[in-house]
Amino acid sequence: MELLTWITVAYFVILVLTLAVGLIAIATTLMSVAKKLGAISEGLKVVEQNTAPLNGGIEKLNGSLGGLAGGLMVAESSFVSANEHLQETLDAVAVAK
């Protein structure tokens, strides 16, 4: 019976040591990840500071591009109309030959 007790104690010690090693490995990995996430967070703060002046300019640019889009739509309809007239002219020339 004494042998069984020692085997149980040895098993328990091995189990606890294995769990401790595993938990230490997990904790080390988590600390490494936390450090890297902190560096990423600092980098994003720098990006935010560097891009903050763009906010007003982007809205002005967006307004200008909206006006440009309207002008391009008018130009597109003019090109479509010109294309139709050219096709009519080509058809008339083809019939005349």
N, C-alpha and C. Protein backbone atom coordinates (compact mmCIF):
# COMPACT_ATOMS: atom_id res chain seq x y z
N MET A 1 0.82 -1.19 0.00
CA MET A 1 0.00 0.00 0.00
C MET A 1 0.86 1.26 0.00
N GLU A 2 2.02 1.15 0.65
CA GLU A 2 2.90 2.29 0.71
C GLU A 2 3.44 2.64 -0.68
N LEU A 3 3.67 1.64 -1.53
CA LEU A 3 4.14 1.86 -2.89
C LEU A 3 3.11 2.62 -3.70
N LEU A 4 1.85 2.25 -3.54
CA LEU A 4 0.77 2.92 -4.25
C LEU A 4 0.68 4.39 -3.83
N THR A 5 0.90 4.68 -2.59
CA THR A 5 0.88 6.06 -2.09
C THR A 5 2.01 6.87 -2.74
N TRP A 6 3.20 6.29 -2.80
CA TRP A 6 4.33 6.99 -3.41
C TRP A 6 4.13 7.20 -4.91
N ILE A 7 3.57 6.24 -5.57
CA ILE A 7 3.27 6.39 -7.00
C ILE A 7 2.26 7.51 -7.22
N THR A 8 1.26 7.57 -6.36
CA THR A 8 0.25 8.62 -6.46
C THR A 8 0.86 9.99 -6.22
N VAL A 9 1.71 10.09 -5.20
CA VAL A 9 2.37 11.36 -4.90
C VAL A 9 3.26 11.77 -6.07
N ALA A 10 4.02 10.81 -6.62
CA ALA A 10 4.90 11.11 -7.75
C ALA A 10 4.09 11.58 -8.95
N TYR A 11 2.98 10.89 -9.21
CA TYR A 11 2.09 11.28 -10.31
C TYR A 11 1.57 12.70 -10.10
N PHE A 12 1.15 12.99 -8.86
CA PHE A 12 0.63 14.31 -8.53
C PHE A 12 1.70 15.38 -8.74
N VAL A 13 2.93 15.13 -8.32
CA VAL A 13 4.02 16.08 -8.48
C VAL A 13 4.30 16.31 -9.97
N ILE A 14 4.35 15.24 -10.74
CA ILE A 14 4.58 15.36 -12.19
C ILE A 14 3.44 16.15 -12.84
N LEU A 15 2.23 15.87 -12.45
CA LEU A 15 1.07 16.58 -12.99
C LEU A 15 1.14 18.06 -12.68
N VAL A 16 1.44 18.42 -11.44
CA VAL A 16 1.53 19.82 -11.04
C VAL A 16 2.67 20.53 -11.78
N LEU A 17 3.83 19.85 -11.89
CA LEU A 17 4.95 20.45 -12.61
C LEU A 17 4.61 20.66 -14.08
N THR A 18 3.95 19.69 -14.69
CA THR A 18 3.56 19.82 -16.10
C THR A 18 2.59 20.98 -16.29
N LEU A 19 1.62 21.07 -15.41
CA LEU A 19 0.68 22.19 -15.48
C LEU A 19 1.38 23.53 -15.27
N ALA A 20 2.31 23.57 -14.33
CA ALA A 20 3.04 24.81 -14.06
C ALA A 20 3.86 25.23 -15.29
N VAL A 21 4.55 24.29 -15.92
CA VAL A 21 5.33 24.60 -17.12
C VAL A 21 4.41 25.10 -18.23
N GLY A 22 3.29 24.44 -18.43
CA GLY A 22 2.35 24.86 -19.46
C GLY A 22 1.80 26.25 -19.20
N LEU A 23 1.42 26.52 -17.94
CA LEU A 23 0.89 27.84 -17.60
C LEU A 23 1.95 28.93 -17.72
N ILE A 24 3.18 28.61 -17.38
CA ILE A 24 4.26 29.58 -17.53
C ILE A 24 4.49 29.89 -19.02
N ALA A 25 4.44 28.86 -19.86
CA ALA A 25 4.60 29.06 -21.29
C ALA A 25 3.47 29.93 -21.85
N ILE A 26 2.26 29.68 -21.41
CA ILE A 26 1.11 30.47 -21.85
C ILE A 26 1.26 31.92 -21.38
N ALA A 27 1.65 32.12 -20.12
CA ALA A 27 1.82 33.47 -19.58
C ALA A 27 2.90 34.23 -20.33
N THR A 28 4.01 33.55 -20.65
CA THR A 28 5.09 34.18 -21.39
C THR A 28 4.61 34.62 -22.77
N THR A 29 3.87 33.76 -23.44
CA THR A 29 3.34 34.08 -24.77
C THR A 29 2.36 35.25 -24.69
N LEU A 30 1.51 35.24 -23.68
CA LEU A 30 0.55 36.34 -23.53
C LEU A 30 1.25 37.66 -23.24
N MET A 31 2.31 37.64 -22.47
CA MET A 31 3.06 38.88 -22.20
C MET A 31 3.72 39.39 -23.48
N SER A 32 4.22 38.48 -24.29
CA SER A 32 4.83 38.87 -25.55
C SER A 32 3.79 39.49 -26.49
N VAL A 33 2.63 38.89 -26.55
CA VAL A 33 1.54 39.42 -27.38
C VAL A 33 1.10 40.79 -26.87
N ALA A 34 1.00 40.93 -25.54
CA ALA A 34 0.60 42.22 -24.97
C ALA A 34 1.62 43.31 -25.32
N LYS A 35 2.90 42.97 -25.28
CA LYS A 35 3.94 43.94 -25.63
C LYS A 35 3.81 44.36 -27.09
N LYS A 36 3.58 43.39 -27.98
CA LYS A 36 3.44 43.70 -29.40
C LYS A 36 2.17 44.51 -29.67
N LEU A 37 1.09 44.19 -28.98
CA LEU A 37 -0.14 44.96 -29.15
C LEU A 37 0.04 46.39 -28.66
N GLY A 38 0.82 46.57 -27.59
CA GLY A 38 1.12 47.92 -27.11
C GLY A 38 1.89 48.71 -28.15
N ALA A 39 2.84 48.06 -28.81
CA ALA A 39 3.61 48.74 -29.86
C ALA A 39 2.71 49.10 -31.03
N ILE A 40 1.81 48.21 -31.39
CA ILE A 40 0.87 48.50 -32.47
C ILE A 40 -0.03 49.67 -32.10
N SER A 41 -0.50 49.69 -30.86
CA SER A 41 -1.36 50.78 -30.39
C SER A 41 -0.63 52.11 -30.45
N GLU A 42 0.63 52.14 -30.05
CA GLU A 42 1.41 53.37 -30.13
C GLU A 42 1.58 53.81 -31.58
N GLY A 43 1.83 52.86 -32.47
CA GLY A 43 1.97 53.17 -33.89
C GLY A 43 0.69 53.75 -34.47
N LEU A 44 -0.44 53.20 -34.06
CA LEU A 44 -1.73 53.71 -34.56
C LEU A 44 -2.01 55.11 -34.03
N LYS A 45 -1.57 55.40 -32.82
CA LYS A 45 -1.73 56.76 -32.30
C LYS A 45 -0.92 57.76 -33.13
N VAL A 46 0.28 57.35 -33.51
CA VAL A 46 1.12 58.22 -34.35
C VAL A 46 0.45 58.44 -35.71
N VAL A 47 -0.10 57.37 -36.29
CA VAL A 47 -0.79 57.50 -37.58
C VAL A 47 -1.98 58.43 -37.44
N GLU A 48 -2.72 58.29 -36.35
CA GLU A 48 -3.88 59.15 -36.13
C GLU A 48 -3.46 60.62 -36.03
N GLN A 49 -2.37 60.88 -35.31
CA GLN A 49 -1.88 62.25 -35.19
C GLN A 49 -1.41 62.80 -36.54
N ASN A 50 -0.75 61.96 -37.31
CA ASN A 50 -0.22 62.42 -38.60
C ASN A 50 -1.31 62.64 -39.64
N THR A 51 -2.41 61.93 -39.54
CA THR A 51 -3.48 62.07 -40.52
C THR A 51 -4.59 63.01 -40.07
N ALA A 52 -4.51 63.52 -38.85
CA ALA A 52 -5.56 64.42 -38.35
C ALA A 52 -5.73 65.66 -39.23
N PRO A 53 -4.67 66.28 -39.75
CA PRO A 53 -4.87 67.47 -40.60
C PRO A 53 -5.62 67.18 -41.90
N LEU A 54 -5.72 65.95 -42.29
CA LEU A 54 -6.38 65.62 -43.56
C LEU A 54 -7.90 65.72 -43.49
N ASN A 55 -8.47 65.72 -42.28
CA ASN A 55 -9.93 65.68 -42.15
C ASN A 55 -10.62 66.79 -42.92
N GLY A 56 -10.22 68.04 -42.74
CA GLY A 56 -10.87 69.14 -43.45
C GLY A 56 -10.63 69.09 -44.94
N GLY A 57 -9.42 68.74 -45.33
CA GLY A 57 -9.09 68.67 -46.75
C GLY A 57 -9.85 67.59 -47.48
N ILE A 58 -10.10 66.50 -46.81
CA ILE A 58 -10.82 65.39 -47.45
C ILE A 58 -12.26 65.80 -47.74
N GLU A 59 -12.87 66.54 -46.83
CA GLU A 59 -14.25 66.97 -47.06
C GLU A 59 -14.32 67.95 -48.24
N LYS A 60 -13.33 68.86 -48.32
CA LYS A 60 -13.30 69.78 -49.47
C LYS A 60 -13.08 69.01 -50.77
N LEU A 61 -12.16 68.05 -50.72
CA LEU A 61 -11.89 67.24 -51.90
C LEU A 61 -13.12 66.45 -52.30
N ASN A 62 -13.83 65.91 -51.33
CA ASN A 62 -15.05 65.15 -51.62
C ASN A 62 -16.09 66.03 -52.29
N GLY A 63 -16.24 67.28 -51.80
CA GLY A 63 -17.18 68.20 -52.43
C GLY A 63 -16.78 68.52 -53.86
N SER A 64 -15.48 68.74 -54.06
CA SER A 64 -15.00 69.03 -55.42
C SER A 64 -15.21 67.85 -56.34
N LEU A 65 -14.95 66.67 -55.85
CA LEU A 65 -15.13 65.48 -56.67
C LEU A 65 -16.60 65.23 -56.99
N GLY A 66 -17.48 65.63 -56.07
CA GLY A 66 -18.92 65.52 -56.34
C GLY A 66 -19.30 66.40 -57.52
N GLY A 67 -18.76 67.63 -57.54
CA GLY A 67 -19.02 68.51 -58.68
C GLY A 67 -18.43 67.98 -59.96
N LEU A 68 -17.23 67.42 -59.87
CA LEU A 68 -16.58 66.83 -61.03
C LEU A 68 -17.39 65.65 -61.57
N ALA A 69 -17.96 64.87 -60.67
CA ALA A 69 -18.76 63.73 -61.09
C ALA A 69 -19.97 64.19 -61.90
N GLY A 70 -20.60 65.28 -61.45
CA GLY A 70 -21.74 65.82 -62.21
C GLY A 70 -21.31 66.27 -63.59
N GLY A 71 -20.17 66.95 -63.67
CA GLY A 71 -19.66 67.39 -64.97
C GLY A 71 -19.32 66.22 -65.87
N LEU A 72 -18.75 65.18 -65.31
CA LEU A 72 -18.42 64.00 -66.11
C LEU A 72 -19.67 63.30 -66.62
N MET A 73 -20.75 63.33 -65.85
CA MET A 73 -22.00 62.73 -66.33
C MET A 73 -22.56 63.52 -67.51
N VAL A 74 -22.45 64.84 -67.45
CA VAL A 74 -22.89 65.67 -68.58
C VAL A 74 -22.03 65.37 -69.79
N ALA A 75 -20.71 65.26 -69.58
CA ALA A 75 -19.81 64.95 -70.70
C ALA A 75 -20.14 63.58 -71.29
N GLU A 76 -20.46 62.64 -70.42
CA GLU A 76 -20.81 61.30 -70.92
C GLU A 76 -22.04 61.35 -71.82
N SER A 77 -23.05 62.08 -71.38
CA SER A 77 -24.26 62.16 -72.21
C SER A 77 -23.96 62.87 -73.54
N SER A 78 -23.06 63.85 -73.51
CA SER A 78 -22.68 64.52 -74.75
C SER A 78 -21.95 63.55 -75.68
N PHE A 79 -21.05 62.74 -75.11
CA PHE A 79 -20.34 61.76 -75.93
C PHE A 79 -21.28 60.71 -76.50
N VAL A 80 -22.27 60.30 -75.72
CA VAL A 80 -23.24 59.33 -76.21
C VAL A 80 -24.02 59.93 -77.38
N SER A 81 -24.42 61.18 -77.22
CA SER A 81 -25.16 61.86 -78.29
C SER A 81 -24.28 62.01 -79.54
N ALA A 82 -23.02 62.40 -79.34
CA ALA A 82 -22.10 62.54 -80.47
C ALA A 82 -21.88 61.20 -81.15
N ASN A 83 -21.78 60.15 -80.37
CA ASN A 83 -21.60 58.81 -80.93
C ASN A 83 -22.80 58.42 -81.78
N GLU A 84 -23.99 58.73 -81.30
CA GLU A 84 -25.19 58.41 -82.08
C GLU A 84 -25.21 59.18 -83.39
N HIS A 85 -24.85 60.46 -83.35
CA HIS A 85 -24.83 61.27 -84.56
C HIS A 85 -23.76 60.77 -85.54
N LEU A 86 -22.61 60.38 -85.02
CA LEU A 86 -21.57 59.83 -85.89
C LEU A 86 -22.02 58.53 -86.53
N GLN A 87 -22.73 57.71 -85.77
CA GLN A 87 -23.23 56.46 -86.32
C GLN A 87 -24.24 56.73 -87.44
N GLU A 88 -25.12 57.73 -87.21
CA GLU A 88 -26.08 58.10 -88.25
C GLU A 88 -25.36 58.58 -89.50
N THR A 89 -24.30 59.36 -89.30
CA THR A 89 -23.53 59.87 -90.44
C THR A 89 -22.86 58.73 -91.18
N LEU A 90 -22.26 57.80 -90.46
CA LEU A 90 -21.62 56.63 -91.07
C LEU A 90 -22.65 55.79 -91.83
N ASP A 91 -23.80 55.63 -91.24
CA ASP A 91 -24.86 54.86 -91.92
C ASP A 91 -25.28 55.56 -93.21
N ALA A 92 -25.41 56.89 -93.16
CA ALA A 92 -25.82 57.66 -94.34
C ALA A 92 -24.73 57.58 -95.43
N VAL A 93 -23.47 57.62 -95.04
CA VAL A 93 -22.38 57.53 -96.00
C VAL A 93 -22.35 56.13 -96.62
N ALA A 94 -22.61 55.13 -95.80
CA ALA A 94 -22.59 53.75 -96.29
C ALA A 94 -23.72 53.52 -97.28
N VAL A 95 -24.89 54.13 -97.06
CA VAL A 95 -26.02 53.98 -97.96
C VAL A 95 -25.74 54.72 -99.26
N ALA A 96 -25.07 55.87 -99.18
CA ALA A 96 -24.80 56.69 -100.35
C ALA A 96 -23.80 56.01 -101.29
N LYS A 97 -22.96 55.16 -100.80
CA LYS A 97 -21.96 54.51 -101.66
C LYS A 97 -22.61 53.51 -102.48
